[in-house]
């Protein structure tokens, strides 16, 4: 029974971390006007999220333009 609780907490923690990463990405993109490549570098430096995990969040950015 104890292992069921632990696995449930792990899933909840993973969901919370993904939500935090998505919110952090939004903040960096909107407030800092960062490009997708810059956001990827920042997340790589400050989190341990993998590229596959980042892709699973389905985070999309408008086309980066050089204006």
N, C-alpha and C. Protein backbone atom coordinates (compact mmCIF):
# COMPACT_ATOMS: atom_id res chain seq x y z
N UNK A 1 0.83 -1.19 0.00
CA UNK A 1 0.00 0.00 0.00
C UNK A 1 0.87 1.25 0.00
N UNK A 2 1.97 1.20 0.69
CA UNK A 2 2.84 2.36 0.77
C UNK A 2 3.45 2.70 -0.59
N UNK A 3 3.75 1.70 -1.41
CA UNK A 3 4.31 1.96 -2.72
C UNK A 3 3.31 2.66 -3.64
N UNK A 4 2.04 2.40 -3.46
CA UNK A 4 1.02 3.08 -4.26
C UNK A 4 1.02 4.57 -3.94
N UNK A 5 1.12 4.91 -2.69
CA UNK A 5 1.17 6.32 -2.30
C UNK A 5 2.41 6.99 -2.86
N UNK A 6 3.54 6.30 -2.78
CA UNK A 6 4.78 6.89 -3.29
C UNK A 6 4.71 7.13 -4.79
N UNK A 7 4.18 6.18 -5.54
CA UNK A 7 4.09 6.37 -6.99
C UNK A 7 3.09 7.47 -7.32
N UNK A 8 2.03 7.60 -6.52
CA UNK A 8 1.05 8.67 -6.74
C UNK A 8 1.71 10.03 -6.49
N UNK A 9 2.50 10.12 -5.43
CA UNK A 9 3.18 11.38 -5.13
C UNK A 9 4.21 11.71 -6.21
N UNK A 10 4.88 10.71 -6.74
CA UNK A 10 5.86 10.94 -7.80
C UNK A 10 5.16 11.50 -9.03
N UNK A 11 4.00 10.94 -9.40
CA UNK A 11 3.26 11.42 -10.56
C UNK A 11 2.78 12.86 -10.33
N UNK A 12 2.29 13.15 -9.14
CA UNK A 12 1.83 14.50 -8.83
C UNK A 12 3.00 15.48 -8.87
N UNK A 13 4.12 15.09 -8.30
CA UNK A 13 5.30 15.95 -8.32
C UNK A 13 5.77 16.20 -9.75
N UNK A 14 5.73 15.19 -10.59
CA UNK A 14 6.13 15.35 -11.98
C UNK A 14 5.19 16.30 -12.71
N UNK A 15 3.90 16.19 -12.43
CA UNK A 15 2.93 17.09 -13.05
C UNK A 15 3.16 18.53 -12.59
N UNK A 16 3.45 18.71 -11.33
CA UNK A 16 3.72 20.05 -10.81
C UNK A 16 4.98 20.63 -11.42
N UNK A 17 6.01 19.81 -11.57
CA UNK A 17 7.25 20.29 -12.16
C UNK A 17 7.03 20.69 -13.62
N UNK A 18 6.26 19.90 -14.35
CA UNK A 18 5.98 20.24 -15.74
C UNK A 18 5.20 21.55 -15.81
N UNK A 19 4.26 21.75 -14.90
CA UNK A 19 3.50 22.99 -14.87
C UNK A 19 4.41 24.17 -14.56
N UNK A 20 5.33 24.00 -13.64
CA UNK A 20 6.27 25.06 -13.29
C UNK A 20 7.17 25.39 -14.48
N UNK A 21 7.64 24.37 -15.19
CA UNK A 21 8.49 24.59 -16.36
C UNK A 21 7.71 25.35 -17.43
N UNK A 22 6.45 24.98 -17.65
CA UNK A 22 5.64 25.66 -18.65
C UNK A 22 5.44 27.13 -18.27
N UNK A 23 5.18 27.39 -16.99
CA UNK A 23 5.00 28.77 -16.54
C UNK A 23 6.30 29.56 -16.64
N UNK A 24 7.40 28.94 -16.28
CA UNK A 24 8.70 29.60 -16.39
C UNK A 24 9.01 29.95 -17.85
N UNK A 25 8.69 29.05 -18.75
CA UNK A 25 8.90 29.30 -20.16
C UNK A 25 8.07 30.49 -20.63
N UNK A 26 6.82 30.55 -20.20
CA UNK A 26 5.97 31.68 -20.56
C UNK A 26 6.54 32.99 -20.04
N UNK A 27 7.01 32.99 -18.82
CA UNK A 27 7.57 34.21 -18.23
C UNK A 27 8.80 34.67 -19.00
N UNK A 28 9.68 33.75 -19.29
CA UNK A 28 10.90 34.10 -20.03
C UNK A 28 10.54 34.64 -21.41
N UNK A 29 9.60 33.98 -22.08
CA UNK A 29 9.24 34.39 -23.44
C UNK A 29 8.54 35.75 -23.45
N UNK A 30 7.57 35.93 -22.55
CA UNK A 30 6.78 37.16 -22.58
C UNK A 30 7.50 38.36 -21.97
N UNK A 31 8.10 38.17 -20.82
CA UNK A 31 8.71 39.30 -20.13
C UNK A 31 10.09 39.66 -20.66
N UNK A 32 10.83 38.66 -21.08
CA UNK A 32 12.19 38.92 -21.54
C UNK A 32 12.29 38.99 -23.07
N UNK A 33 11.17 38.72 -23.74
CA UNK A 33 11.14 38.73 -25.19
C UNK A 33 12.23 37.83 -25.78
N UNK A 34 12.43 36.70 -25.15
CA UNK A 34 13.48 35.78 -25.55
C UNK A 34 13.03 34.91 -26.72
N UNK A 35 13.98 34.50 -27.51
CA UNK A 35 13.72 33.60 -28.62
C UNK A 35 13.67 32.17 -28.09
N UNK A 36 13.12 31.27 -28.89
CA UNK A 36 12.99 29.87 -28.48
C UNK A 36 14.35 29.27 -28.12
N UNK A 37 15.37 29.55 -28.90
CA UNK A 37 16.71 29.00 -28.62
C UNK A 37 17.23 29.49 -27.27
N UNK A 38 16.99 30.75 -26.95
CA UNK A 38 17.44 31.30 -25.67
C UNK A 38 16.70 30.65 -24.51
N UNK A 39 15.42 30.41 -24.68
CA UNK A 39 14.63 29.76 -23.63
C UNK A 39 15.15 28.35 -23.39
N UNK A 40 15.47 27.64 -24.46
CA UNK A 40 16.01 26.28 -24.34
C UNK A 40 17.32 26.29 -23.57
N UNK A 41 18.18 27.26 -23.86
CA UNK A 41 19.47 27.36 -23.16
C UNK A 41 19.24 27.66 -21.68
N UNK A 42 18.33 28.59 -21.38
CA UNK A 42 18.06 28.94 -19.98
C UNK A 42 17.51 27.74 -19.22
N UNK A 43 16.56 27.03 -19.81
CA UNK A 43 15.99 25.85 -19.14
C UNK A 43 17.05 24.77 -18.95
N UNK A 44 17.94 24.64 -19.92
CA UNK A 44 19.02 23.66 -19.81
C UNK A 44 19.95 24.00 -18.64
N UNK A 45 20.20 25.27 -18.43
CA UNK A 45 21.11 25.71 -17.38
C UNK A 45 20.50 25.60 -15.98
N UNK A 46 19.21 25.85 -15.86
CA UNK A 46 18.59 25.94 -14.54
C UNK A 46 17.69 24.77 -14.16
N UNK A 47 17.43 23.86 -15.09
CA UNK A 47 16.60 22.70 -14.77
C UNK A 47 17.29 21.45 -15.30
N UNK A 48 16.74 20.33 -14.94
CA UNK A 48 17.26 19.07 -15.46
C UNK A 48 16.25 18.42 -16.41
N UNK A 49 15.39 19.24 -17.00
CA UNK A 49 14.39 18.72 -17.93
C UNK A 49 15.08 18.31 -19.23
N UNK A 50 14.67 17.17 -19.75
CA UNK A 50 15.26 16.68 -20.99
C UNK A 50 14.51 17.26 -22.19
N UNK A 51 15.09 17.12 -23.36
CA UNK A 51 14.45 17.61 -24.59
C UNK A 51 13.13 16.90 -24.83
N UNK A 52 13.08 15.60 -24.56
CA UNK A 52 11.84 14.83 -24.74
C UNK A 52 10.76 15.31 -23.78
N UNK A 53 11.13 15.58 -22.53
CA UNK A 53 10.16 16.09 -21.57
C UNK A 53 9.66 17.47 -21.99
N UNK A 54 10.55 18.29 -22.47
CA UNK A 54 10.16 19.62 -22.92
C UNK A 54 9.21 19.52 -24.11
N UNK A 55 9.48 18.61 -25.02
CA UNK A 55 8.59 18.42 -26.17
C UNK A 55 7.23 17.87 -25.75
N UNK A 56 7.21 17.06 -24.69
CA UNK A 56 5.94 16.49 -24.24
C UNK A 56 5.02 17.54 -23.62
N UNK A 57 5.58 18.70 -23.27
CA UNK A 57 4.75 19.77 -22.71
C UNK A 57 3.95 20.49 -23.78
N UNK A 58 4.29 20.25 -25.05
CA UNK A 58 3.60 20.88 -26.17
C UNK A 58 3.60 22.40 -26.05
N UNK A 59 4.76 22.95 -25.79
CA UNK A 59 4.91 24.39 -25.71
C UNK A 59 5.26 24.90 -27.11
N UNK A 60 4.43 25.80 -27.62
CA UNK A 60 4.64 26.36 -28.95
C UNK A 60 4.89 27.85 -28.83
N UNK A 61 5.74 28.35 -29.69
CA UNK A 61 6.07 29.76 -29.72
C UNK A 61 5.67 30.34 -31.06
N UNK A 62 5.25 31.61 -31.08
CA UNK A 62 5.04 32.25 -32.39
C UNK A 62 6.36 32.26 -33.14
N UNK A 63 6.29 32.43 -34.43
CA UNK A 63 7.52 32.44 -35.23
C UNK A 63 8.46 33.51 -34.69
N UNK A 64 9.69 33.11 -34.45
CA UNK A 64 10.71 34.06 -34.03
C UNK A 64 11.12 34.89 -35.24
N UNK A 65 10.99 36.19 -35.11
CA UNK A 65 11.37 37.06 -36.20
C UNK A 65 12.47 37.99 -35.72
N UNK A 66 13.32 38.35 -36.61
CA UNK A 66 14.40 39.28 -36.30
C UNK A 66 14.00 40.67 -36.73
N UNK A 67 13.30 41.36 -35.86
CA UNK A 67 12.88 42.74 -36.16
C UNK A 67 13.76 43.72 -35.47
